[in-house]
Amino acid sequence: IGKAMAQLSKASFLVEGHTCDLGAESYNHRLSERRATAILRHLIRHGVRDDQLVQAPFGEAEPVAPNTNEANRSKNRRVVIRRMASSPS
């Protein structure tokens, strides 16, 4: 995926870190930041320029599933990469 992203040299990407609700909110925010940073570093090692990447830690704020059981919590422990909209020229 890093190679494909690197070929889109004019594109920018948002790297979002997410967690489940277990643990303190402040810890989860830092954890989501570490998750996003790990992916960001991986992408840079695979040719994506650092100026193409923006990091956004969300902690437990944006779950994709209710944090009611372990199966759902595991879905919320994730990193999402989104292509950012280009600014008009």
PDB file of N, CA and C in Angstrom:
ATOM      1  N   ILE A   1       0.831  -1.197   0.000  1.00  0.00           N
ATOM      2  CA  ILE A   1       0.000   0.000   0.000  1.00  0.00           C
ATOM      3  C   ILE A   1       0.874   1.259   0.000  1.00  0.00           C
ATOM      4  N   GLY A   2       2.012   1.207   0.690  1.00  0.00           N
ATOM      5  CA  GLY A   2       2.904   2.359   0.718  1.00  0.00           C
ATOM      6  C   GLY A   2       3.398   2.738  -0.657  1.00  0.00           C
ATOM      7  N   LYS A   3       3.727   1.742  -1.480  1.00  0.00           N
ATOM      8  CA  LYS A   3       4.202   2.027  -2.834  1.00  0.00           C
ATOM      9  C   LYS A   3       3.118   2.690  -3.661  1.00  0.00           C
ATOM     10  N   ALA A   4       1.891   2.227  -3.535  1.00  0.00           N
ATOM     11  CA  ALA A   4       0.775   2.830  -4.274  1.00  0.00           C
ATOM     12  C   ALA A   4       0.548   4.268  -3.815  1.00  0.00           C
ATOM     13  N   MET A   5       0.636   4.506  -2.516  1.00  0.00           N
ATOM     14  CA  MET A   5       0.462   5.857  -1.996  1.00  0.00           C
ATOM     15  C   MET A   5       1.593   6.767  -2.468  1.00  0.00           C
ATOM     16  N   ALA A   6       2.809   6.244  -2.504  1.00  0.00           N
ATOM     17  CA  ALA A   6       3.963   7.043  -2.936  1.00  0.00           C
ATOM     18  C   ALA A   6       3.811   7.477  -4.384  1.00  0.00           C
ATOM     19  N   GLN A   7       3.161   6.658  -5.206  1.00  0.00           N
ATOM     20  CA  GLN A   7       2.960   7.021  -6.605  1.00  0.00           C
ATOM     21  C   GLN A   7       1.984   8.178  -6.762  1.00  0.00           C
ATOM     22  N   LEU A   8       1.161   8.398  -5.778  1.00  0.00           N
ATOM     23  CA  LEU A   8       0.235   9.532  -5.791  1.00  0.00           C
ATOM     24  C   LEU A   8       0.939  10.729  -5.156  1.00  0.00           C
ATOM     25  N   SER A   9       1.949  11.228  -5.815  1.00  0.00           N
ATOM     26  CA  SER A   9       2.862  12.209  -5.223  1.00  0.00           C
ATOM     27  C   SER A   9       2.195  13.526  -4.828  1.00  0.00           C
ATOM     28  N   LYS A  10       1.061  13.855  -5.433  1.00  0.00           N
ATOM     29  CA  LYS A  10       0.386  15.110  -5.092  1.00  0.00           C
ATOM     30  C   LYS A  10      -0.724  14.900  -4.064  1.00  0.00           C
ATOM     31  N   ALA A  11      -0.920  13.663  -3.639  1.00  0.00           N
ATOM     32  CA  ALA A  11      -1.980  13.350  -2.678  1.00  0.00           C
ATOM     33  C   ALA A  11      -1.457  13.464  -1.248  1.00  0.00           C
ATOM     34  N   SER A  12      -2.368  13.784  -0.351  1.00  0.00           N
ATOM     35  CA  SER A  12      -2.070  13.796   1.084  1.00  0.00           C
ATOM     36  C   SER A  12      -2.995  12.795   1.756  1.00  0.00           C
ATOM     37  N   PHE A  13      -2.511  12.223   2.864  1.00  0.00           N
ATOM     38  CA  PHE A  13      -3.264  11.186   3.546  1.00  0.00           C
ATOM     39  C   PHE A  13      -3.343  11.482   5.035  1.00  0.00           C
ATOM     40  N   LEU A  14      -4.502  11.190   5.612  1.00  0.00           N
ATOM     41  CA  LEU A  14      -4.730  11.314   7.039  1.00  0.00           C
ATOM     42  C   LEU A  14      -4.590   9.924   7.641  1.00  0.00           C
ATOM     43  N   VAL A  15      -3.707   9.778   8.620  1.00  0.00           N
ATOM     44  CA  VAL A  15      -3.486   8.505   9.302  1.00  0.00           C
ATOM     45  C   VAL A  15      -4.114   8.626  10.687  1.00  0.00           C
ATOM     46  N   GLU A  16      -5.263   7.957  10.877  1.00  0.00           N
ATOM     47  CA  GLU A  16      -6.037   8.047  12.117  1.00  0.00           C
ATOM     48  C   GLU A  16      -5.744   6.856  13.019  1.00  0.00           C
ATOM     49  N   GLY A  17      -5.481   7.123  14.291  1.00  0.00           N
ATOM     50  CA  GLY A  17      -5.342   6.068  15.286  1.00  0.00           C
ATOM     51  C   GLY A  17      -6.591   6.009  16.144  1.00  0.00           C
ATOM     52  N   HIS A  18      -7.039   4.787  16.444  1.00  0.00           N
ATOM     53  CA  HIS A  18      -8.253   4.580  17.244  1.00  0.00           C
ATOM     54  C   HIS A  18      -8.020   3.489  18.286  1.00  0.00           C
ATOM     55  N   THR A  19      -8.794   3.528  19.360  1.00  0.00           N
ATOM     56  CA  THR A  19      -8.745   2.500  20.399  1.00  0.00           C
ATOM     57  C   THR A  19     -10.157   2.117  20.818  1.00  0.00           C
ATOM     58  N   CYS A  20     -10.238   1.068  21.639  1.00  0.00           N
ATOM     59  CA  CYS A  20     -11.517   0.734  22.271  1.00  0.00           C
ATOM     60  C   CYS A  20     -11.645   1.575  23.548  1.00  0.00           C
ATOM     61  N   ASP A  21     -12.629   1.277  24.373  1.00  0.00           N
ATOM     62  CA  ASP A  21     -12.884   2.082  25.567  1.00  0.00           C
ATOM     63  C   ASP A  21     -12.205   1.564  26.831  1.00  0.00           C
ATOM     64  N   LEU A  22     -11.465   0.462  26.739  1.00  0.00           N
ATOM     65  CA  LEU A  22     -10.796  -0.053  27.935  1.00  0.00           C
ATOM     66  C   LEU A  22      -9.617   0.838  28.299  1.00  0.00           C
ATOM     67  N   GLY A  23      -9.487   1.160  29.571  1.00  0.00           N
ATOM     68  CA  GLY A  23      -8.395   2.021  30.024  1.00  0.00           C
ATOM     69  C   GLY A  23      -8.842   3.462  30.121  1.00  0.00           C
ATOM     70  N   ALA A  24      -7.946   4.268  30.668  1.00  0.00           N
ATOM     71  CA  ALA A  24      -8.229   5.698  30.848  1.00  0.00           C
ATOM     72  C   ALA A  24      -8.242   6.402  29.496  1.00  0.00           C
ATOM     73  N   GLU A  25      -9.080   7.398  29.381  1.00  0.00           N
ATOM     74  CA  GLU A  25      -9.198   8.148  28.122  1.00  0.00           C
ATOM     75  C   GLU A  25      -7.863   8.763  27.701  1.00  0.00           C
ATOM     76  N   SER A  26      -7.113   9.301  28.661  1.00  0.00           N
ATOM     77  CA  SER A  26      -5.822   9.914  28.328  1.00  0.00           C
ATOM     78  C   SER A  26      -4.836   8.861  27.819  1.00  0.00           C
ATOM     79  N   TYR A  27      -4.844   7.676  28.423  1.00  0.00           N
ATOM     80  CA  TYR A  27      -3.976   6.593  27.948  1.00  0.00           C
ATOM     81  C   TYR A  27      -4.372   6.178  26.532  1.00  0.00           C
ATOM     82  N   ASN A  28      -5.668   6.048  26.293  1.00  0.00           N
ATOM     83  CA  ASN A  28      -6.145   5.638  24.972  1.00  0.00           C
ATOM     84  C   ASN A  28      -5.788   6.664  23.901  1.00  0.00           C
ATOM     85  N   HIS A  29      -5.808   7.926  24.250  1.00  0.00           N
ATOM     86  CA  HIS A  29      -5.416   8.952  23.279  1.00  0.00           C
ATOM     87  C   HIS A  29      -3.940   8.780  22.895  1.00  0.00           C
ATOM     88  N   ARG A  30      -3.085   8.580  23.906  1.00  0.00           N
ATOM     89  CA  ARG A  30      -1.660   8.361  23.619  1.00  0.00           C
ATOM     90  C   ARG A  30      -1.446   7.071  22.837  1.00  0.00           C
ATOM     91  N   LEU A  31      -2.206   6.030  23.172  1.00  0.00           N
ATOM     92  CA  LEU A  31      -2.102   4.760  22.453  1.00  0.00           C
ATOM     93  C   LEU A  31      -2.496   4.938  20.989  1.00  0.00           C
ATOM     94  N   SER A  32      -3.560   5.662  20.740  1.00  0.00           N
ATOM     95  CA  SER A  32      -3.979   5.884  19.350  1.00  0.00           C
ATOM     96  C   SER A  32      -2.939   6.695  18.587  1.00  0.00           C
ATOM     97  N   GLU A  33      -2.264   7.598  19.286  1.00  0.00           N
ATOM     98  CA  GLU A  33      -1.185   8.369  18.661  1.00  0.00           C
ATOM     99  C   GLU A  33      -0.015   7.449  18.304  1.00  0.00           C
ATOM    100  N   ARG A  34       0.333   6.541  19.207  1.00  0.00           N
ATOM    101  CA  ARG A  34       1.425   5.600  18.926  1.00  0.00           C
ATOM    102  C   ARG A  34       1.067   4.675  17.764  1.00  0.00           C
ATOM    103  N   ARG A  35      -0.177   4.248  17.687  1.00  0.00           N
ATOM    104  CA  ARG A  35      -0.608   3.405  16.562  1.00  0.00           C
ATOM    105  C   ARG A  35      -0.453   4.143  15.244  1.00  0.00           C
ATOM    106  N   ALA A  36      -0.943   5.360  15.200  1.00  0.00           N
ATOM    107  CA  ALA A  36      -0.849   6.146  13.965  1.00  0.00           C
ATOM    108  C   ALA A  36       0.609   6.416  13.607  1.00  0.00           C
ATOM    109  N   THR A  37       1.434   6.700  14.597  1.00  0.00           N
ATOM    110  CA  THR A  37       2.855   6.962  14.352  1.00  0.00           C
ATOM    111  C   THR A  37       3.541   5.733  13.770  1.00  0.00           C
ATOM    112  N   ALA A  38       3.222   4.558  14.284  1.00  0.00           N
ATOM    113  CA  ALA A  38       3.838   3.328  13.770  1.00  0.00           C
ATOM    114  C   ALA A  38       3.512   3.138  12.293  1.00  0.00           C
ATOM    115  N   ILE A  39       2.268   3.375  11.904  1.00  0.00           N
ATOM    116  CA  ILE A  39       1.883   3.231  10.495  1.00  0.00           C
ATOM    117  C   ILE A  39       2.517   4.333   9.656  1.00  0.00           C
ATOM    118  N   LEU A  40       2.542   5.535  10.184  1.00  0.00           N
ATOM    119  CA  LEU A  40       3.162   6.654   9.473  1.00  0.00           C
ATOM    120  C   LEU A  40       4.626   6.333   9.166  1.00  0.00           C
ATOM    121  N   ARG A  41       5.359   5.839  10.143  1.00  0.00           N
ATOM    122  CA  ARG A  41       6.772   5.474   9.937  1.00  0.00           C
ATOM    123  C   ARG A  41       6.914   4.359   8.910  1.00  0.00           C
ATOM    124  N   HIS A  42       6.033   3.387   8.970  1.00  0.00           N
ATOM    125  CA  HIS A  42       6.056   2.286   8.001  1.00  0.00           C
ATOM    126  C   HIS A  42       5.868   2.818   6.578  1.00  0.00           C
ATOM    127  N   LEU A  43       4.910   3.720   6.416  1.00  0.00           N
ATOM    128  CA  LEU A  43       4.641   4.279   5.087  1.00  0.00           C
ATOM    129  C   LEU A  43       5.846   5.073   4.574  1.00  0.00           C
ATOM    130  N   ILE A  44       6.476   5.828   5.454  1.00  0.00           N
ATOM    131  CA  ILE A  44       7.654   6.597   5.055  1.00  0.00           C
ATOM    132  C   ILE A  44       8.777   5.657   4.626  1.00  0.00           C
ATOM    133  N   ARG A  45       8.971   4.568   5.366  1.00  0.00           N
ATOM    134  CA  ARG A  45       9.994   3.584   4.986  1.00  0.00           C
ATOM    135  C   ARG A  45       9.703   2.958   3.626  1.00  0.00           C
ATOM    136  N   HIS A  46       8.445   2.988   3.201  1.00  0.00           N
ATOM    137  CA  HIS A  46       8.056   2.393   1.920  1.00  0.00           C
ATOM    138  C   HIS A  46       7.798   3.433   0.839  1.00  0.00           C
ATOM    139  N   GLY A  47       8.385   4.614   1.009  1.00  0.00           N
ATOM    140  CA  GLY A  47       8.410   5.579  -0.071  1.00  0.00           C
ATOM    141  C   GLY A  47       7.427   6.727  -0.028  1.00  0.00           C
ATOM    142  N   VAL A  48       6.530   6.751   0.949  1.00  0.00           N
ATOM    143  CA  VAL A  48       5.599   7.878   1.052  1.00  0.00           C
ATOM    144  C   VAL A  48       6.350   9.029   1.730  1.00  0.00           C
ATOM    145  N   ARG A  49       6.269  10.207   1.146  1.00  0.00           N
ATOM    146  CA  ARG A  49       6.942  11.374   1.724  1.00  0.00           C
ATOM    147  C   ARG A  49       6.236  11.806   3.013  1.00  0.00           C
ATOM    148  N   ASP A  50       7.009  12.247   3.976  1.00  0.00           N
ATOM    149  CA  ASP A  50       6.398  12.654   5.237  1.00  0.00           C
ATOM    150  C   ASP A  50       5.471  13.856   5.076  1.00  0.00           C
ATOM    151  N   ASP A  51       5.719  14.698   4.061  1.00  0.00           N
ATOM    152  CA  ASP A  51       4.834  15.847   3.856  1.00  0.00           C
ATOM    153  C   ASP A  51       3.500  15.449   3.214  1.00  0.00           C
ATOM    154  N   GLN A  52       3.340  14.191   2.855  1.00  0.00           N
ATOM    155  CA  GLN A  52       2.058  13.684   2.342  1.00  0.00           C
ATOM    156  C   GLN A  52       1.169  13.172   3.469  1.00  0.00           C
ATOM    157  N   LEU A  53       1.711  13.075   4.686  1.00  0.00           N
ATOM    158  CA  LEU A  53       1.019  12.391   5.774  1.00  0.00           C
ATOM    159  C   LEU A  53       0.681  13.337   6.914  1.00  0.00           C
ATOM    160  N   VAL A  54      -0.525  13.198   7.420  1.00  0.00           N
ATOM    161  CA  VAL A  54      -0.978  13.939   8.588  1.00  0.00           C
ATOM    162  C   VAL A  54      -1.499  12.904   9.584  1.00  0.00           C
ATOM    163  N   GLN A  55      -1.088  13.043  10.816  1.00  0.00           N
ATOM    164  CA  GLN A  55      -1.477  12.098  11.859  1.00  0.00           C
ATOM    165  C   GLN A  55      -2.624  12.665  12.676  1.00  0.00           C
ATOM    166  N   ALA A  56      -3.592  11.804  13.042  1.00  0.00           N
ATOM    167  CA  ALA A  56      -4.718  12.240  13.856  1.00  0.00           C
ATOM    168  C   ALA A  56      -5.085  11.150  14.861  1.00  0.00           C
ATOM    169  N   PRO A  57      -4.719  11.327  16.139  1.00  0.00           N
ATOM    170  CA  PRO A  57      -5.122  10.361  17.152  1.00  0.00           C
ATOM    171  C   PRO A  57      -6.531  10.668  17.654  1.00  0.00           C
ATOM    172  N   PHE A  58      -7.407   9.678  17.636  1.00  0.00           N
ATOM    173  CA  PHE A  58      -8.777   9.868  18.085  1.00  0.00           C
ATOM    174  C   PHE A  58      -9.076   9.171  19.405  1.00  0.00           C
ATOM    175  N   GLY A  59      -8.165   8.312  19.874  1.00  0.00           N
ATOM    176  CA  GLY A  59      -8.447   7.589  21.106  1.00  0.00           C
ATOM    177  C   GLY A  59      -9.693   6.742  20.942  1.00  0.00           C
ATOM    178  N   GLU A  60     -10.562   6.815  21.919  1.00  0.00           N
ATOM    179  CA  GLU A  60     -11.793   6.019  21.902  1.00  0.00           C
ATOM    180  C   GLU A  60     -12.994   6.811  21.378  1.00  0.00           C
ATOM    181  N   ALA A  61     -12.753   8.002  20.840  1.00  0.00           N
ATOM    182  CA  ALA A  61     -13.833   8.935  20.491  1.00  0.00           C
ATOM    183  C   ALA A  61     -14.701   8.513  19.310  1.00  0.00           C
ATOM    184  N   GLU A  62     -14.184   7.710  18.380  1.00  0.00           N
ATOM    185  CA  GLU A  62     -14.954   7.380  17.184  1.00  0.00           C
ATOM    186  C   GLU A  62     -15.000   5.869  16.937  1.00  0.00           C
ATOM    187  N   PRO A  63     -15.726   5.143  17.780  1.00  0.00           N
ATOM    188  CA  PRO A  63     -15.808   3.695  17.583  1.00  0.00           C
ATOM    189  C   PRO A  63     -16.617   3.345  16.334  1.00  0.00           C
ATOM    190  N   VAL A  64     -16.254   2.226  15.709  1.00  0.00           N
ATOM    191  CA  VAL A  64     -17.040   1.735  14.570  1.00  0.00           C
ATOM    192  C   VAL A  64     -18.057   0.695  15.021  1.00  0.00           C
ATOM    193  N   ALA A  65     -17.911   0.235  16.255  1.00  0.00           N
ATOM    194  CA  ALA A  65     -18.833  -0.740  16.836  1.00  0.00           C
ATOM    195  C   ALA A  65     -19.007  -0.393  18.314  1.00  0.00           C
ATOM    196  N   PRO A  66     -20.150  -0.725  18.893  1.00  0.00           N
ATOM    197  CA  PRO A  66     -20.338  -0.458  20.322  1.00  0.00           C
ATOM    198  C   PRO A  66     -19.314  -1.244  21.143  1.00  0.00           C
ATOM    199  N   ASN A  67     -18.753  -0.621  22.153  1.00  0.00           N
ATOM    200  CA  ASN A  67     -17.758  -1.279  22.998  1.00  0.00           C
ATOM    201  C   ASN A  67     -18.438  -2.156  24.053  1.00  0.00           C
ATOM    202  N   THR A  68     -19.279  -3.075  23.604  1.00  0.00           N
ATOM    203  CA  THR A  68     -20.063  -3.891  24.522  1.00  0.00           C
ATOM    204  C   THR A  68     -19.504  -5.295  24.722  1.00  0.00           C
ATOM    205  N   ASN A  69     -18.569  -5.718  23.868  1.00  0.00           N
ATOM    206  CA  ASN A  69     -17.958  -7.040  24.009  1.00  0.00           C
ATOM    207  C   ASN A  69     -16.594  -7.026  23.328  1.00  0.00           C
ATOM    208  N   GLU A  70     -15.815  -8.085  23.545  1.00  0.00           N
ATOM    209  CA  GLU A  70     -14.450  -8.121  23.027  1.00  0.00           C
ATOM    210  C   GLU A  70     -14.398  -8.106  21.505  1.00  0.00           C
ATOM    211  N   ALA A  71     -15.328  -8.775  20.847  1.00  0.00           N
ATOM    212  CA  ALA A  71     -15.337  -8.781  19.375  1.00  0.00           C
ATOM    213  C   ALA A  71     -15.500  -7.364  18.834  1.00  0.00           C
ATOM    214  N   ASN A  72     -16.397  -6.598  19.420  1.00  0.00           N
ATOM    215  CA  ASN A  72     -16.586  -5.210  18.980  1.00  0.00           C
ATOM    216  C   ASN A  72     -15.395  -4.336  19.349  1.00  0.00           C
ATOM    217  N   ARG A  73     -14.847  -4.534  20.552  1.00  0.00           N
ATOM    218  CA  ARG A  73     -13.699  -3.731  20.960  1.00  0.00           C
ATOM    219  C   ARG A  73     -12.525  -3.942  20.009  1.00  0.00           C
ATOM    220  N   SER A  74     -12.351  -5.167  19.554  1.00  0.00           N
ATOM    221  CA  SER A  74     -11.228  -5.430  18.637  1.00  0.00           C
ATOM    222  C   SER A  74     -11.403  -4.675  17.320  1.00  0.00           C
ATOM    223  N   LYS A  75     -12.634  -4.435  16.897  1.00  0.00           N
ATOM    224  CA  LYS A  75     -12.888  -3.648  15.681  1.00  0.00           C
ATOM    225  C   LYS A  75     -12.506  -2.184  15.880  1.00  0.00           C
ATOM    226  N   ASN A  76     -12.589  -1.724  17.111  1.00  0.00           N
ATOM    227  CA  ASN A  76     -12.293  -0.319  17.405  1.00  0.00           C
ATOM    228  C   ASN A  76     -10.806  -0.050  17.579  1.00  0.00           C
ATOM    229  N   ARG A  77     -10.009  -1.080  17.735  1.00  0.00           N
ATOM    230  CA  ARG A  77      -8.546  -0.940  17.833  1.00  0.00           C
ATOM    231  C   ARG A  77      -7.987  -0.985  16.425  1.00  0.00           C
ATOM    232  N   ARG A  78      -7.807   0.197  15.830  1.00  0.00           N
ATOM    233  CA  ARG A  78      -7.487   0.222  14.404  1.00  0.00           C
ATOM    234  C   ARG A  78      -6.758   1.500  14.020  1.00  0.00           C
ATOM    235  N   VAL A  79      -6.203   1.456  12.806  1.00  0.00           N
ATOM    236  CA  VAL A  79      -5.672   2.644  12.145  1.00  0.00           C
ATOM    237  C   VAL A  79      -6.395   2.751  10.806  1.00  0.00           C
ATOM    238  N   VAL A  80      -6.845   3.939  10.488  1.00  0.00           N
ATOM    239  CA  VAL A  80      -7.547   4.204   9.234  1.00  0.00           C
ATOM    240  C   VAL A  80      -6.722   5.211   8.444  1.00  0.00           C
ATOM    241  N   ILE A  81      -6.540   4.940   7.153  1.00  0.00           N
ATOM    242  CA  ILE A  81      -5.833   5.871   6.280  1.00  0.00           C
ATOM    243  C   ILE A  81      -6.842   6.422   5.284  1.00  0.00           C
ATOM    244  N   ARG A  82      -6.965   7.725   5.254  1.00  0.00           N
ATOM    245  CA  ARG A  82      -7.916   8.381   4.348  1.00  0.00           C
ATOM    246  C   ARG A  82      -7.154   9.338   3.432  1.00  0.00           C
ATOM    247  N   ARG A  83      -7.528   9.335   2.171  1.00  0.00           N
ATOM    248  CA  ARG A  83      -6.970  10.330   1.262  1.00  0.00           C
ATOM    249  C   ARG A  83      -7.664  11.648   1.540  1.00  0.00           C
ATOM    250  N   MET A  84      -6.885  12.686   1.733  1.00  0.00           N
ATOM    251  CA  MET A  84      -7.448  13.995   2.031  1.00  0.00           C
ATOM    252  C   MET A  84      -7.838  14.700   0.737  1.00  0.00           C
ATOM    253  N   ALA A  85      -8.876  15.489   0.835  1.00  0.00           N
ATOM    254  CA  ALA A  85      -9.328  16.257  -0.311  1.00  0.00           C
ATOM    255  C   ALA A  85      -8.261  17.265  -0.715  1.00  0.00           C
ATOM    256  N   SER A  86      -8.076  17.408  -1.996  1.00  0.00           N
ATOM    257  CA  SER A  86      -7.101  18.383  -2.512  1.00  0.00           C
ATOM    258  C   SER A  86      -7.669  19.779  -2.368  1.00  0.00           C
ATOM    259  N   SER A  87      -6.779  20.723  -2.106  1.00  0.00           N
ATOM    260  CA  SER A  87      -7.220  22.113  -2.059  1.00  0.00           C
ATOM    261  C   SER A  87      -7.341  22.622  -3.499  1.00  0.00           C
ATOM    262  N   PRO A  88      -8.319  23.490  -3.742  1.00  0.00           N
ATOM    263  CA  PRO A  88      -8.509  24.004  -5.106  1.00  0.00           C
ATOM    264  C   PRO A  88      -7.303  24.809  -5.562  1.00  0.00           C
ATOM    265  N   SER A  89      -6.956  24.709  -6.823  1.00  0.00           N
ATOM    266  CA  SER A  89      -5.802  25.446  -7.375  1.00  0.00           C
ATOM    267  C   SER A  89      -6.227  26.806  -7.870  1.00  0.00           C
TER     268      SER A  89
END
